[in-house]
Amino acid sequence: MKAAPDEPVAGMGSPADPTVPPFFGLATAVFIVVSSMVGTGVLTTSGFTVYLTGSNQAMLILWVVGGLLAVCRALSIAEPALTSPLQA
């Protein structure tokens, strides 16, 4: 038996009382924002990258190099944070 369209789903707010589901926290909000920014960047810059490089393979190589640089930067930022005596 299906619920009527105006009945709230378990864990969700009703249309008259919109509330955030209990499983939707700060981490979920951060992941949504980050994924939308990454998705937007990939979709808007890939055409320009292919046009400027002239090939799909060059674009993919540049993405891999950029990803490796981003990981190196993230690790270099995380290392001092992990060695700090004030880490929590």
Protein backbone atom coordinates (compact mmCIF):
# COMPACT_ATOMS: atom_id res chain seq x y z
CA MET A 1 0.00 0.00 0.00
CA LYS A 2 1.47 3.33 -1.05
CA ALA A 3 1.41 6.44 1.11
CA ALA A 4 -0.68 9.34 -0.09
CA PRO A 5 1.35 12.15 -1.70
CA ASP A 6 0.73 14.49 1.24
CA GLU A 7 1.76 11.95 3.90
CA PRO A 8 5.34 12.25 5.17
CA VAL A 9 7.82 9.51 4.38
CA ALA A 10 9.55 7.92 7.38
CA GLY A 11 12.45 10.15 8.44
CA MET A 12 11.41 13.03 6.22
CA GLY A 13 9.47 16.18 7.04
CA SER A 14 5.93 16.69 5.88
CA PRO A 15 5.18 19.30 3.20
CA ALA A 16 3.60 21.53 5.84
CA ASP A 17 6.59 21.11 8.19
CA PRO A 18 9.79 20.87 6.11
CA THR A 19 12.55 19.55 8.32
CA VAL A 20 15.98 18.21 7.59
CA PRO A 21 16.12 14.42 7.78
CA PRO A 22 18.13 13.16 10.78
CA PHE A 23 20.78 11.58 8.52
CA PHE A 24 21.48 14.88 6.72
CA GLY A 25 24.35 16.50 8.58
CA LEU A 26 27.29 18.78 7.99
CA ALA A 27 29.29 16.10 6.16
CA THR A 28 26.42 15.47 3.73
CA ALA A 29 26.05 19.19 3.05
CA VAL A 30 29.79 19.57 2.44
CA PHE A 31 29.82 16.58 0.05
CA ILE A 32 26.88 18.00 -1.91
CA VAL A 33 28.58 21.38 -2.32
CA VAL A 34 31.97 19.89 -3.23
CA SER A 35 30.48 17.45 -5.74
CA SER A 36 28.47 20.19 -7.41
CA MET A 37 31.57 22.38 -7.72
CA VAL A 38 33.70 19.53 -9.10
CA GLY A 39 30.94 18.49 -11.48
CA THR A 40 30.47 22.04 -12.69
CA GLY A 41 34.20 22.47 -13.28
CA VAL A 42 34.52 19.23 -15.22
CA LEU A 43 31.52 19.96 -17.40
CA THR A 44 32.45 23.56 -18.18
CA THR A 45 36.19 23.26 -18.74
CA SER A 46 36.53 19.97 -20.61
CA GLY A 47 35.43 21.47 -23.93
CA PHE A 48 37.90 24.34 -23.62
CA THR A 49 40.68 21.94 -22.64
CA VAL A 50 40.09 19.70 -25.66
CA TYR A 51 39.95 22.75 -27.93
CA LEU A 52 43.20 24.19 -26.58
CA THR A 53 45.14 20.91 -26.44
CA GLY A 54 43.75 19.44 -29.63
CA SER A 55 43.15 15.91 -28.32
CA ASN A 56 41.15 13.96 -25.79
CA GLN A 57 44.23 12.09 -24.62
CA ALA A 58 46.03 15.32 -23.70
CA MET A 59 42.99 16.45 -21.73
CA LEU A 60 42.93 13.20 -19.76
CA ILE A 61 46.67 13.42 -19.06
CA LEU A 62 46.22 16.98 -17.81
CA TRP A 63 43.35 15.84 -15.54
CA VAL A 64 45.50 13.07 -14.08
CA VAL A 65 48.43 15.45 -13.52
CA GLY A 66 46.09 17.98 -11.92
CA GLY A 67 44.63 15.29 -9.68
CA LEU A 68 48.08 14.16 -8.56
CA LEU A 69 49.06 17.76 -7.80
CA ALA A 70 45.85 18.23 -5.79
CA VAL A 71 46.56 15.07 -3.77
CA CYS A 72 50.14 16.23 -3.10
CA ARG A 73 48.85 19.61 -1.95
CA ALA A 74 46.24 18.03 0.31
CA LEU A 75 48.82 15.72 1.87
CA SER A 76 51.27 18.57 2.40
CA ILE A 77 48.56 20.54 4.21
CA ALA A 78 47.43 17.52 6.25
CA GLU A 79 50.91 16.55 7.47
CA PRO A 80 51.52 19.59 9.73
CA ALA A 81 47.95 19.34 10.99
CA LEU A 82 48.50 15.74 12.07
CA THR A 83 51.76 16.50 13.86
CA SER A 84 50.28 19.43 15.77
CA PRO A 85 49.94 18.79 19.52
CA LEU A 86 46.57 20.55 19.46
CA GLN A 87 44.91 18.11 17.07
CA ALA A 88 41.50 16.97 18.16
